[in-house]
Amino acid sequence: MPKRHHPYDAESERGWSIDSSTLTPAGQSELLKDLGRQLQQNYQSMLKEPAPDRIQHLLERLEQTHHHDEEDL
């Protein structure tokens, strides 16, 4: 049976990767900042949507637990 290749397989000639190991620490930092900005831009509309009820309830429980832990200090 022939081996199937995923179109984004790293071993594929069509695939791509970013080798950040040759960047300076400042260059790596800039790369990460740029990726963050691009992700925010691409998902901005989703970030404005309210969290689903289940997630909102979990966040509220986490917040309550955090405040309770701070009071014990």
PDB file of N, CA and C in Angstrom:
ATOM      1  N   MET A   1       0.847  -1.174   0.000  1.00  0.00           N
ATOM      2  CA  MET A   1       0.000   0.000   0.000  1.00  0.00           C
ATOM      3  C   MET A   1       0.895   1.241   0.000  1.00  0.00           C
ATOM      4  N   PRO A   2       0.627   2.226  -0.860  1.00  0.00           N
ATOM      5  CA  PRO A   2       1.478   3.416  -0.909  1.00  0.00           C
ATOM      6  C   PRO A   2       1.301   4.260   0.338  1.00  0.00           C
ATOM      7  N   LYS A   3       2.392   4.906   0.721  1.00  0.00           N
ATOM      8  CA  LYS A   3       2.387   5.783   1.891  1.00  0.00           C
ATOM      9  C   LYS A   3       1.678   7.079   1.539  1.00  0.00           C
ATOM     10  N   ARG A   4       0.742   7.504   2.397  1.00  0.00           N
ATOM     11  CA  ARG A   4       0.016   8.751   2.157  1.00  0.00           C
ATOM     12  C   ARG A   4       0.750   9.893   2.830  1.00  0.00           C
ATOM     13  N   HIS A   5       0.830  11.006   2.157  1.00  0.00           N
ATOM     14  CA  HIS A   5       1.516  12.181   2.704  1.00  0.00           C
ATOM     15  C   HIS A   5       0.502  13.271   2.997  1.00  0.00           C
ATOM     16  N   HIS A   6       0.645  13.845   4.152  1.00  0.00           N
ATOM     17  CA  HIS A   6      -0.178  14.995   4.501  1.00  0.00           C
ATOM     18  C   HIS A   6       0.365  16.193   3.735  1.00  0.00           C
ATOM     19  N   PRO A   7      -0.502  17.075   3.216  1.00  0.00           N
ATOM     20  CA  PRO A   7      -0.003  18.215   2.424  1.00  0.00           C
ATOM     21  C   PRO A   7       0.925  19.148   3.198  1.00  0.00           C
ATOM     22  N   TYR A   8       0.840  19.137   4.527  1.00  0.00           N
ATOM     23  CA  TYR A   8       1.695  20.017   5.319  1.00  0.00           C
ATOM     24  C   TYR A   8       2.763  19.240   6.070  1.00  0.00           C
ATOM     25  N   ASP A   9       3.060  18.052   5.632  1.00  0.00           N
ATOM     26  CA  ASP A   9       4.073  17.208   6.253  1.00  0.00           C
ATOM     27  C   ASP A   9       5.423  17.904   6.184  1.00  0.00           C
ATOM     28  N   ALA A  10       6.127  17.960   7.307  1.00  0.00           N
ATOM     29  CA  ALA A  10       7.423  18.648   7.362  1.00  0.00           C
ATOM     30  C   ALA A  10       8.438  18.006   6.423  1.00  0.00           C
ATOM     31  N   GLU A  11       8.281  16.712   6.143  1.00  0.00           N
ATOM     32  CA  GLU A  11       9.220  16.047   5.254  1.00  0.00           C
ATOM     33  C   GLU A  11       8.906  16.333   3.796  1.00  0.00           C
ATOM     34  N   SER A  12       7.748  16.841   3.516  1.00  0.00           N
ATOM     35  CA  SER A  12       7.329  17.127   2.155  1.00  0.00           C
ATOM     36  C   SER A  12       8.097  18.323   1.605  1.00  0.00           C
ATOM     37  N   GLU A  13       8.326  18.324   0.321  1.00  0.00           N
ATOM     38  CA  GLU A  13       9.017  19.453  -0.312  1.00  0.00           C
ATOM     39  C   GLU A  13       8.146  20.698  -0.286  1.00  0.00           C
ATOM     40  N   ARG A  14       6.832  20.513  -0.243  1.00  0.00           N
ATOM     41  CA  ARG A  14       5.928  21.658  -0.227  1.00  0.00           C
ATOM     42  C   ARG A  14       5.756  22.233   1.167  1.00  0.00           C
ATOM     43  N   GLY A  15       6.129  21.480   2.191  1.00  0.00           N
ATOM     44  CA  GLY A  15       5.989  21.955   3.562  1.00  0.00           C
ATOM     45  C   GLY A  15       6.987  23.068   3.851  1.00  0.00           C
ATOM     46  N   TRP A  16       6.808  23.742   4.966  1.00  0.00           N
ATOM     47  CA  TRP A  16       7.724  24.815   5.339  1.00  0.00           C
ATOM     48  C   TRP A  16       7.875  24.822   6.846  1.00  0.00           C
ATOM     49  N   SER A  17       8.929  25.446   7.298  1.00  0.00           N
ATOM     50  CA  SER A  17       9.145  25.602   8.725  1.00  0.00           C
ATOM     51  C   SER A  17       9.958  26.863   8.959  1.00  0.00           C
ATOM     52  N   ILE A  18       9.977  27.304  10.188  1.00  0.00           N
ATOM     53  CA  ILE A  18      10.761  28.473  10.567  1.00  0.00           C
ATOM     54  C   ILE A  18      11.861  27.991  11.491  1.00  0.00           C
ATOM     55  N   ASP A  19      13.102  28.231  11.122  1.00  0.00           N
ATOM     56  CA  ASP A  19      14.229  27.856  11.966  1.00  0.00           C
ATOM     57  C   ASP A  19      14.664  29.089  12.733  1.00  0.00           C
ATOM     58  N   SER A  20      14.133  29.229  13.936  1.00  0.00           N
ATOM     59  CA  SER A  20      14.449  30.416  14.734  1.00  0.00           C
ATOM     60  C   SER A  20      15.746  30.251  15.508  1.00  0.00           C
ATOM     61  N   SER A  21      16.382  29.077  15.405  1.00  0.00           N
ATOM     62  CA  SER A  21      17.603  28.847  16.182  1.00  0.00           C
ATOM     63  C   SER A  21      18.763  29.706  15.694  1.00  0.00           C
ATOM     64  N   THR A  22      18.688  30.220  14.470  1.00  0.00           N
ATOM     65  CA  THR A  22      19.758  31.065  13.951  1.00  0.00           C
ATOM     66  C   THR A  22      19.517  32.538  14.264  1.00  0.00           C
ATOM     67  N   LEU A  23      18.375  32.860  14.870  1.00  0.00           N
ATOM     68  CA  LEU A  23      18.071  34.243  15.219  1.00  0.00           C
ATOM     69  C   LEU A  23      18.706  34.616  16.551  1.00  0.00           C
ATOM     70  N   THR A  24      19.014  35.885  16.691  1.00  0.00           N
ATOM     71  CA  THR A  24      19.479  36.384  17.984  1.00  0.00           C
ATOM     72  C   THR A  24      18.292  36.368  18.952  1.00  0.00           C
ATOM     73  N   PRO A  25      18.543  36.477  20.256  1.00  0.00           N
ATOM     74  CA  PRO A  25      17.409  36.548  21.201  1.00  0.00           C
ATOM     75  C   PRO A  25      16.451  37.691  20.862  1.00  0.00           C
ATOM     76  N   ALA A  26      16.998  38.828  20.433  1.00  0.00           N
ATOM     77  CA  ALA A  26      16.132  39.951  20.053  1.00  0.00           C
ATOM     78  C   ALA A  26      15.314  39.595  18.817  1.00  0.00           C
ATOM     79  N   GLY A  27      15.923  38.896  17.869  1.00  0.00           N
ATOM     80  CA  GLY A  27      15.219  38.479  16.662  1.00  0.00           C
ATOM     81  C   GLY A  27      14.117  37.480  16.984  1.00  0.00           C
ATOM     82  N   GLN A  28      14.399  36.546  17.900  1.00  0.00           N
ATOM     83  CA  GLN A  28      13.388  35.576  18.317  1.00  0.00           C
ATOM     84  C   GLN A  28      12.221  36.288  18.993  1.00  0.00           C
ATOM     85  N   SER A  29      12.538  37.277  19.823  1.00  0.00           N
ATOM     86  CA  SER A  29      11.502  38.043  20.498  1.00  0.00           C
ATOM     87  C   SER A  29      10.624  38.772  19.476  1.00  0.00           C
ATOM     88  N   GLU A  30      11.239  39.384  18.490  1.00  0.00           N
ATOM     89  CA  GLU A  30      10.483  40.095  17.450  1.00  0.00           C
ATOM     90  C   GLU A  30       9.623  39.129  16.645  1.00  0.00           C
ATOM     91  N   LEU A  31      10.166  37.949  16.356  1.00  0.00           N
ATOM     92  CA  LEU A  31       9.405  36.946  15.620  1.00  0.00           C
ATOM     93  C   LEU A  31       8.160  36.550  16.404  1.00  0.00           C
ATOM     94  N   LEU A  32       8.316  36.294  17.707  1.00  0.00           N
ATOM     95  CA  LEU A  32       7.177  35.917  18.537  1.00  0.00           C
ATOM     96  C   LEU A  32       6.157  37.051  18.650  1.00  0.00           C
ATOM     97  N   LYS A  33       6.633  38.280  18.781  1.00  0.00           N
ATOM     98  CA  LYS A  33       5.717  39.426  18.848  1.00  0.00           C
ATOM     99  C   LYS A  33       4.930  39.551  17.553  1.00  0.00           C
ATOM    100  N   ASP A  34       5.617  39.380  16.421  1.00  0.00           N
ATOM    101  CA  ASP A  34       4.950  39.484  15.125  1.00  0.00           C
ATOM    102  C   ASP A  34       3.914  38.377  14.962  1.00  0.00           C
ATOM    103  N   LEU A  35       4.260  37.157  15.361  1.00  0.00           N
ATOM    104  CA  LEU A  35       3.293  36.064  15.285  1.00  0.00           C
ATOM    105  C   LEU A  35       2.078  36.356  16.163  1.00  0.00           C
ATOM    106  N   GLY A  36       2.311  36.896  17.358  1.00  0.00           N
ATOM    107  CA  GLY A  36       1.213  37.261  18.248  1.00  0.00           C
ATOM    108  C   GLY A  36       0.309  38.316  17.636  1.00  0.00           C
ATOM    109  N   ARG A  37       0.923  39.330  17.020  1.00  0.00           N
ATOM    110  CA  ARG A  37       0.126  40.375  16.372  1.00  0.00           C
ATOM    111  C   ARG A  37      -0.706  39.800  15.228  1.00  0.00           C
ATOM    112  N   GLN A  38      -0.114  38.915  14.448  1.00  0.00           N
ATOM    113  CA  GLN A  38      -0.845  38.306  13.337  1.00  0.00           C
ATOM    114  C   GLN A  38      -1.997  37.444  13.833  1.00  0.00           C
ATOM    115  N   LEU A  39      -1.765  36.676  14.904  1.00  0.00           N
ATOM    116  CA  LEU A  39      -2.839  35.856  15.462  1.00  0.00           C
ATOM    117  C   LEU A  39      -3.968  36.730  15.999  1.00  0.00           C
ATOM    118  N   GLN A  40      -3.616  37.805  16.697  1.00  0.00           N
ATOM    119  CA  GLN A  40      -4.649  38.710  17.210  1.00  0.00           C
ATOM    120  C   GLN A  40      -5.451  39.315  16.068  1.00  0.00           C
ATOM    121  N   GLN A  41      -4.777  39.720  15.007  1.00  0.00           N
ATOM    122  CA  GLN A  41      -5.458  40.321  13.872  1.00  0.00           C
ATOM    123  C   GLN A  41      -6.402  39.306  13.216  1.00  0.00           C
ATOM    124  N   ASN A  42      -5.928  38.070  13.043  1.00  0.00           N
ATOM    125  CA  ASN A  42      -6.744  37.059  12.387  1.00  0.00           C
ATOM    126  C   ASN A  42      -7.939  36.631  13.221  1.00  0.00           C
ATOM    127  N   TYR A  43      -7.809  36.666  14.550  1.00  0.00           N
ATOM    128  CA  TYR A  43      -8.869  36.176  15.419  1.00  0.00           C
ATOM    129  C   TYR A  43      -9.557  37.288  16.203  1.00  0.00           C
ATOM    130  N   GLN A  44      -9.389  38.535  15.792  1.00  0.00           N
ATOM    131  CA  GLN A  44      -9.943  39.680  16.520  1.00  0.00           C
ATOM    132  C   GLN A  44     -11.453  39.562  16.702  1.00  0.00           C
ATOM    133  N   SER A  45     -12.171  39.181  15.647  1.00  0.00           N
ATOM    134  CA  SER A  45     -13.630  39.084  15.776  1.00  0.00           C
ATOM    135  C   SER A  45     -14.021  38.011  16.781  1.00  0.00           C
ATOM    136  N   MET A  46     -13.277  36.924  16.821  1.00  0.00           N
ATOM    137  CA  MET A  46     -13.572  35.858  17.770  1.00  0.00           C
ATOM    138  C   MET A  46     -13.282  36.314  19.197  1.00  0.00           C
ATOM    139  N   LEU A  47     -12.244  37.134  19.377  1.00  0.00           N
ATOM    140  CA  LEU A  47     -11.891  37.615  20.707  1.00  0.00           C
ATOM    141  C   LEU A  47     -12.964  38.538  21.272  1.00  0.00           C
ATOM    142  N   LYS A  48     -13.736  39.182  20.405  1.00  0.00           N
ATOM    143  CA  LYS A  48     -14.782  40.099  20.855  1.00  0.00           C
ATOM    144  C   LYS A  48     -16.056  39.369  21.249  1.00  0.00           C
ATOM    145  N   GLU A  49     -16.198  38.110  20.835  1.00  0.00           N
ATOM    146  CA  GLU A  49     -17.388  37.342  21.163  1.00  0.00           C
ATOM    147  C   GLU A  49     -17.357  36.954  22.641  1.00  0.00           C
ATOM    148  N   PRO A  50     -18.524  36.898  23.275  1.00  0.00           N
ATOM    149  CA  PRO A  50     -18.545  36.472  24.679  1.00  0.00           C
ATOM    150  C   PRO A  50     -18.173  34.992  24.784  1.00  0.00           C
ATOM    151  N   ALA A  51     -17.592  34.647  25.909  1.00  0.00           N
ATOM    152  CA  ALA A  51     -17.223  33.249  26.148  1.00  0.00           C
ATOM    153  C   ALA A  51     -18.493  32.420  26.304  1.00  0.00           C
ATOM    154  N   PRO A  52     -18.453  31.161  25.857  1.00  0.00           N
ATOM    155  CA  PRO A  52     -19.619  30.286  26.078  1.00  0.00           C
ATOM    156  C   PRO A  52     -19.912  30.175  27.573  1.00  0.00           C
ATOM    157  N   ASP A  53     -21.176  29.921  27.900  1.00  0.00           N
ATOM    158  CA  ASP A  53     -21.608  29.867  29.301  1.00  0.00           C
ATOM    159  C   ASP A  53     -20.751  28.923  30.128  1.00  0.00           C
ATOM    160  N   ARG A  54     -20.456  27.734  29.609  1.00  0.00           N
ATOM    161  CA  ARG A  54     -19.670  26.753  30.368  1.00  0.00           C
ATOM    162  C   ARG A  54     -18.285  27.312  30.711  1.00  0.00           C
ATOM    163  N   ILE A  55     -17.658  27.972  29.758  1.00  0.00           N
ATOM    164  CA  ILE A  55     -16.340  28.565  29.990  1.00  0.00           C
ATOM    165  C   ILE A  55     -16.454  29.709  30.985  1.00  0.00           C
ATOM    166  N   GLN A  56     -17.501  30.520  30.848  1.00  0.00           N
ATOM    167  CA  GLN A  56     -17.702  31.642  31.764  1.00  0.00           C
ATOM    168  C   GLN A  56     -17.866  31.150  33.201  1.00  0.00           C
ATOM    169  N   HIS A  57     -18.617  30.062  33.383  1.00  0.00           N
ATOM    170  CA  HIS A  57     -18.804  29.500  34.729  1.00  0.00           C
ATOM    171  C   HIS A  57     -17.476  28.981  35.286  1.00  0.00           C
ATOM    172  N   LEU A  58     -16.679  28.338  34.445  1.00  0.00           N
ATOM    173  CA  LEU A  58     -15.376  27.850  34.896  1.00  0.00           C
ATOM    174  C   LEU A  58     -14.464  29.004  35.286  1.00  0.00           C
ATOM    175  N   LEU A  59     -14.493  30.084  34.514  1.00  0.00           N
ATOM    176  CA  LEU A  59     -13.677  31.261  34.832  1.00  0.00           C
ATOM    177  C   LEU A  59     -14.113  31.882  36.156  1.00  0.00           C
ATOM    178  N   GLU A  60     -15.425  31.938  36.384  1.00  0.00           N
ATOM    179  CA  GLU A  60     -15.933  32.487  37.641  1.00  0.00           C
ATOM    180  C   GLU A  60     -15.491  31.630  38.822  1.00  0.00           C
ATOM    181  N   ARG A  61     -15.537  30.304  38.678  1.00  0.00           N
ATOM    182  CA  ARG A  61     -15.087  29.408  39.752  1.00  0.00           C
ATOM    183  C   ARG A  61     -13.599  29.597  40.014  1.00  0.00           C
ATOM    184  N   LEU A  62     -12.825  29.736  38.956  1.00  0.00           N
ATOM    185  CA  LEU A  62     -11.387  29.956  39.102  1.00  0.00           C
ATOM    186  C   LEU A  62     -11.116  31.273  39.824  1.00  0.00           C
ATOM    187  N   GLU A  63     -11.848  32.303  39.458  1.00  0.00           N
ATOM    188  CA  GLU A  63     -11.704  33.614  40.103  1.00  0.00           C
ATOM    189  C   GLU A  63     -12.042  33.523  41.592  1.00  0.00           C
ATOM    190  N   GLN A  64     -13.121  32.816  41.930  1.00  0.00           N
ATOM    191  CA  GLN A  64     -13.513  32.663  43.331  1.00  0.00           C
ATOM    192  C   GLN A  64     -12.444  31.900  44.112  1.00  0.00           C
ATOM    193  N   THR A  65     -11.917  30.855  43.519  1.00  0.00           N
ATOM    194  CA  THR A  65     -10.868  30.069  44.162  1.00  0.00           C
ATOM    195  C   THR A  65      -9.626  30.918  44.381  1.00  0.00           C
ATOM    196  N   HIS A  66      -9.280  31.728  43.384  1.00  0.00           N
ATOM    197  CA  HIS A  66      -8.103  32.596  43.483  1.00  0.00           C
ATOM    198  C   HIS A  66      -8.274  33.602  44.621  1.00  0.00           C
ATOM    199  N   HIS A  67      -9.466  34.236  44.707  1.00  0.00           N
ATOM    200  CA  HIS A  67      -9.712  35.203  45.785  1.00  0.00           C
ATOM    201  C   HIS A  67      -9.707  34.517  47.143  1.00  0.00           C
ATOM    202  N   HIS A  68     -10.246  33.318  47.202  1.00  0.00           N
ATOM    203  CA  HIS A  68     -10.259  32.560  48.466  1.00  0.00           C
ATOM    204  C   HIS A  68      -8.830  32.246  48.903  1.00  0.00           C
ATOM    205  N   ASP A  69      -7.980  31.845  47.960  1.00  0.00           N
ATOM    206  CA  ASP A  69      -6.578  31.542  48.282  1.00  0.00           C
ATOM    207  C   ASP A  69      -5.837  32.791  48.768  1.00  0.00           C
ATOM    208  N   GLU A  70      -6.131  33.956  48.193  1.00  0.00           N
ATOM    209  CA  GLU A  70      -5.478  35.203  48.603  1.00  0.00           C
ATOM    210  C   GLU A  70      -5.887  35.582  50.025  1.00  0.00           C
ATOM    211  N   GLU A  71      -7.156  35.299  50.382  1.00  0.00           N
ATOM    212  CA  GLU A  71      -7.626  35.635  51.731  1.00  0.00           C
ATOM    213  C   GLU A  71      -6.938  34.772  52.780  1.00  0.00           C
ATOM    214  N   ASP A  72      -6.552  33.544  52.418  1.00  0.00           N
ATOM    215  CA  ASP A  72      -5.893  32.642  53.366  1.00  0.00           C
ATOM    216  C   ASP A  72      -4.474  33.064  53.662  1.00  0.00           C
ATOM    217  N   LEU A  73      -3.884  33.943  52.849  1.00  0.00           N
ATOM    218  CA  LEU A  73      -2.497  34.359  53.082  1.00  0.00           C
ATOM    219  C   LEU A  73      -2.423  35.311  54.190  1.00  0.00           C
TER     220      LEU A  73
END
